[in-house]
N, C-alpha and C. Protein backbone atom coordinates (compact mmCIF):
# COMPACT_ATOMS: atom_id res chain seq x y z
N MET A 1 59.61 127.95 83.52
CA MET A 1 58.54 127.12 84.02
C MET A 1 58.89 125.67 83.72
N SER A 2 58.84 124.83 84.74
CA SER A 2 59.21 123.42 84.57
C SER A 2 58.03 122.62 84.00
N VAL A 3 58.34 121.41 83.62
CA VAL A 3 57.31 120.55 83.05
C VAL A 3 56.21 120.27 84.06
N GLU A 4 56.60 120.06 85.32
CA GLU A 4 55.60 119.76 86.35
C GLU A 4 54.63 120.93 86.56
N GLN A 5 55.07 122.14 86.32
CA GLN A 5 54.20 123.29 86.51
C GLN A 5 53.26 123.49 85.32
N ARG A 6 53.61 123.01 84.14
CA ARG A 6 52.77 123.18 82.97
C ARG A 6 51.71 122.10 82.85
N ILE A 7 51.93 120.95 83.45
CA ILE A 7 50.96 119.86 83.39
C ILE A 7 50.01 119.98 84.57
N PRO A 8 48.71 119.85 84.33
CA PRO A 8 47.76 119.91 85.46
C PRO A 8 48.07 118.83 86.50
N GLN A 9 47.81 119.16 87.74
CA GLN A 9 48.16 118.29 88.86
C GLN A 9 47.50 116.92 88.77
N ARG A 10 46.29 116.84 88.25
CA ARG A 10 45.58 115.56 88.21
C ARG A 10 46.17 114.60 87.17
N PHE A 11 47.03 115.09 86.25
CA PHE A 11 47.63 114.23 85.23
C PHE A 11 49.03 113.74 85.58
N ILE A 12 49.61 114.27 86.64
CA ILE A 12 51.01 113.93 86.95
C ILE A 12 51.13 112.47 87.40
N GLY A 13 50.26 111.99 88.25
CA GLY A 13 50.30 110.60 88.71
C GLY A 13 50.10 109.60 87.58
N PRO A 14 49.03 109.77 86.77
CA PRO A 14 48.84 108.84 85.65
C PRO A 14 49.98 108.88 84.63
N LEU A 15 50.61 110.04 84.45
CA LEU A 15 51.76 110.09 83.54
C LEU A 15 52.93 109.28 84.09
N GLY A 16 53.10 109.28 85.39
CA GLY A 16 54.15 108.47 86.00
C GLY A 16 53.89 106.99 85.80
N VAL A 17 52.65 106.56 85.97
CA VAL A 17 52.29 105.15 85.78
C VAL A 17 52.44 104.77 84.31
N LEU A 18 52.01 105.64 83.41
CA LEU A 18 52.15 105.37 81.98
C LEU A 18 53.62 105.26 81.60
N SER A 19 54.45 106.13 82.15
CA SER A 19 55.88 106.06 81.87
C SER A 19 56.48 104.75 82.38
N LEU A 20 56.01 104.29 83.53
CA LEU A 20 56.49 103.02 84.06
C LEU A 20 56.10 101.87 83.15
N PHE A 21 54.86 101.85 82.67
CA PHE A 21 54.44 100.79 81.77
C PHE A 21 55.19 100.83 80.45
N VAL A 22 55.45 102.02 79.93
CA VAL A 22 56.24 102.14 78.70
C VAL A 22 57.65 101.60 78.93
N GLY A 23 58.23 101.93 80.06
CA GLY A 23 59.57 101.44 80.37
C GLY A 23 59.62 99.93 80.50
N LEU A 24 58.65 99.35 81.19
CA LEU A 24 58.63 97.90 81.36
C LEU A 24 58.38 97.17 80.05
N ALA A 25 57.43 97.65 79.27
CA ALA A 25 57.13 97.00 77.99
C ALA A 25 58.31 97.10 77.03
N SER A 26 58.98 98.24 77.01
CA SER A 26 60.08 98.40 76.07
C SER A 26 61.32 97.62 76.50
N ILE A 27 61.55 97.43 77.81
CA ILE A 27 62.70 96.62 78.22
C ILE A 27 62.46 95.15 77.88
N VAL A 28 61.22 94.69 78.02
CA VAL A 28 60.91 93.31 77.66
C VAL A 28 61.04 93.11 76.15
N MET A 29 60.44 94.01 75.38
CA MET A 29 60.53 93.90 73.93
C MET A 29 61.97 94.09 73.44
N GLY A 30 62.72 94.98 74.08
CA GLY A 30 64.12 95.18 73.70
C GLY A 30 64.94 93.93 73.92
N PHE A 31 64.72 93.25 75.04
CA PHE A 31 65.44 92.00 75.31
C PHE A 31 65.08 90.94 74.28
N ILE A 32 63.79 90.82 73.97
CA ILE A 32 63.35 89.82 73.00
C ILE A 32 63.95 90.11 71.62
N PHE A 33 63.89 91.37 71.19
CA PHE A 33 64.44 91.72 69.89
C PHE A 33 65.94 91.51 69.83
N SER A 34 66.64 91.83 70.91
CA SER A 34 68.09 91.64 70.93
C SER A 34 68.47 90.17 70.82
N VAL A 35 67.77 89.32 71.54
CA VAL A 35 68.06 87.88 71.48
C VAL A 35 67.73 87.31 70.11
N ILE A 36 66.60 87.71 69.55
CA ILE A 36 66.24 87.23 68.21
C ILE A 36 67.25 87.74 67.19
N GLY A 37 67.69 88.99 67.33
CA GLY A 37 68.69 89.52 66.40
C GLY A 37 70.00 88.77 66.49
N LEU A 38 70.41 88.40 67.70
CA LEU A 38 71.64 87.62 67.85
C LEU A 38 71.51 86.24 67.22
N THR A 39 70.37 85.60 67.41
CA THR A 39 70.20 84.27 66.82
C THR A 39 70.14 84.33 65.30
N VAL A 40 69.53 85.36 64.76
CA VAL A 40 69.50 85.51 63.30
C VAL A 40 70.90 85.84 62.78
N PHE A 41 71.63 86.69 63.49
CA PHE A 41 72.97 87.07 63.04
C PHE A 41 73.91 85.87 62.99
N PHE A 42 73.86 85.02 64.00
CA PHE A 42 74.74 83.85 64.05
C PHE A 42 74.15 82.62 63.37
N GLY A 43 72.93 82.73 62.84
CA GLY A 43 72.31 81.63 62.12
C GLY A 43 71.89 80.47 63.01
N LEU A 44 71.48 80.74 64.22
CA LEU A 44 71.12 79.69 65.17
C LEU A 44 69.65 79.31 65.12
N ASN A 45 68.84 80.03 64.37
CA ASN A 45 67.40 79.78 64.39
C ASN A 45 66.91 78.98 63.20
N GLY A 46 67.72 78.74 62.20
CA GLY A 46 67.34 77.90 61.08
C GLY A 46 66.49 78.59 60.03
N LEU A 47 66.40 79.90 60.03
CA LEU A 47 65.65 80.59 58.98
C LEU A 47 66.47 80.58 57.69
N GLN A 48 65.84 80.21 56.60
CA GLN A 48 66.56 80.11 55.34
C GLN A 48 66.78 81.47 54.67
N GLY A 49 65.81 82.38 54.74
CA GLY A 49 65.90 83.64 54.02
C GLY A 49 66.52 84.78 54.81
N ALA A 50 66.84 84.56 56.07
CA ALA A 50 67.36 85.64 56.91
C ALA A 50 68.86 85.79 56.73
N THR A 51 69.29 87.03 56.59
CA THR A 51 70.71 87.31 56.43
C THR A 51 71.25 87.92 57.72
N SER A 52 72.55 88.08 57.78
CA SER A 52 73.15 88.69 58.97
C SER A 52 72.77 90.17 59.07
N THR A 53 72.50 90.80 57.94
CA THR A 53 72.04 92.19 57.96
C THR A 53 70.68 92.31 58.64
N ASP A 54 69.81 91.36 58.38
CA ASP A 54 68.51 91.33 59.07
C ASP A 54 68.70 91.19 60.57
N GLY A 55 69.64 90.35 60.97
CA GLY A 55 69.91 90.17 62.39
C GLY A 55 70.42 91.44 63.04
N VAL A 56 71.27 92.18 62.33
CA VAL A 56 71.79 93.44 62.88
C VAL A 56 70.68 94.46 63.02
N ILE A 57 69.79 94.52 62.04
CA ILE A 57 68.67 95.46 62.10
C ILE A 57 67.78 95.15 63.30
N VAL A 58 67.47 93.88 63.52
CA VAL A 58 66.63 93.49 64.65
C VAL A 58 67.36 93.77 65.97
N MET A 59 68.67 93.52 66.00
CA MET A 59 69.44 93.76 67.22
C MET A 59 69.50 95.25 67.55
N VAL A 60 69.69 96.10 66.55
CA VAL A 60 69.72 97.54 66.78
C VAL A 60 68.35 98.03 67.24
N THR A 61 67.28 97.46 66.71
CA THR A 61 65.94 97.80 67.18
C THR A 61 65.77 97.44 68.65
N GLY A 62 66.29 96.30 69.06
CA GLY A 62 66.23 95.90 70.46
C GLY A 62 67.01 96.84 71.35
N ILE A 63 68.18 97.27 70.90
CA ILE A 63 68.98 98.21 71.69
C ILE A 63 68.29 99.55 71.78
N ALA A 64 67.63 99.98 70.71
CA ALA A 64 66.88 101.24 70.74
C ALA A 64 65.71 101.13 71.73
N LEU A 65 65.07 99.98 71.79
CA LEU A 65 63.98 99.80 72.75
C LEU A 65 64.48 99.82 74.19
N VAL A 66 65.68 99.35 74.42
CA VAL A 66 66.27 99.45 75.75
C VAL A 66 66.50 100.93 76.10
N GLY A 67 66.88 101.74 75.10
CA GLY A 67 67.00 103.18 75.33
C GLY A 67 65.67 103.83 75.65
N VAL A 68 64.61 103.38 74.99
CA VAL A 68 63.28 103.89 75.29
C VAL A 68 62.86 103.50 76.70
N SER A 69 63.28 102.32 77.14
CA SER A 69 62.94 101.91 78.50
C SER A 69 63.63 102.81 79.53
N TYR A 70 64.83 103.26 79.22
CA TYR A 70 65.50 104.21 80.12
C TYR A 70 64.72 105.52 80.18
N LEU A 71 64.23 105.99 79.04
CA LEU A 71 63.42 107.21 79.03
C LEU A 71 62.12 107.02 79.81
N GLY A 72 61.52 105.84 79.71
CA GLY A 72 60.33 105.55 80.50
C GLY A 72 60.61 105.57 81.99
N TYR A 73 61.77 105.03 82.38
CA TYR A 73 62.17 105.05 83.78
C TYR A 73 62.39 106.49 84.26
N LYS A 74 63.05 107.29 83.44
CA LYS A 74 63.29 108.68 83.82
C LYS A 74 61.97 109.45 83.93
N GLY A 75 61.02 109.18 83.04
CA GLY A 75 59.70 109.80 83.12
C GLY A 75 58.97 109.38 84.37
N PHE A 76 59.10 108.10 84.74
CA PHE A 76 58.46 107.64 85.97
C PHE A 76 59.07 108.34 87.18
N MET A 77 60.36 108.47 87.22
CA MET A 77 61.01 109.12 88.35
C MET A 77 60.66 110.61 88.43
N ARG A 78 60.37 111.22 87.29
CA ARG A 78 60.03 112.65 87.28
C ARG A 78 58.58 112.88 87.68
N PHE A 79 57.66 112.06 87.17
CA PHE A 79 56.24 112.34 87.36
C PHE A 79 55.62 111.62 88.54
N ALA A 80 56.18 110.52 88.99
CA ALA A 80 55.58 109.78 90.10
C ALA A 80 56.13 110.33 91.41
N THR A 81 55.47 111.34 91.90
CA THR A 81 55.94 111.97 93.13
C THR A 81 55.00 111.67 94.28
């Protein structure tokens, strides 16, 4: 039994829209986090207490959010029929 058969028909459209919003929000946040992580890593933002390790952590979080945006896109393509 596929996922589409287990979910009631009236929820499939809203799940597609929700997946689209999750994908869009996470790609925007992923881009912002990646850019902030790069600036912290290279010391371009002038923060005194930030280390390059902090920049890497923020950058990896941004890359993970880009992965979540891909999952949101795949969910939109599956449920928005």
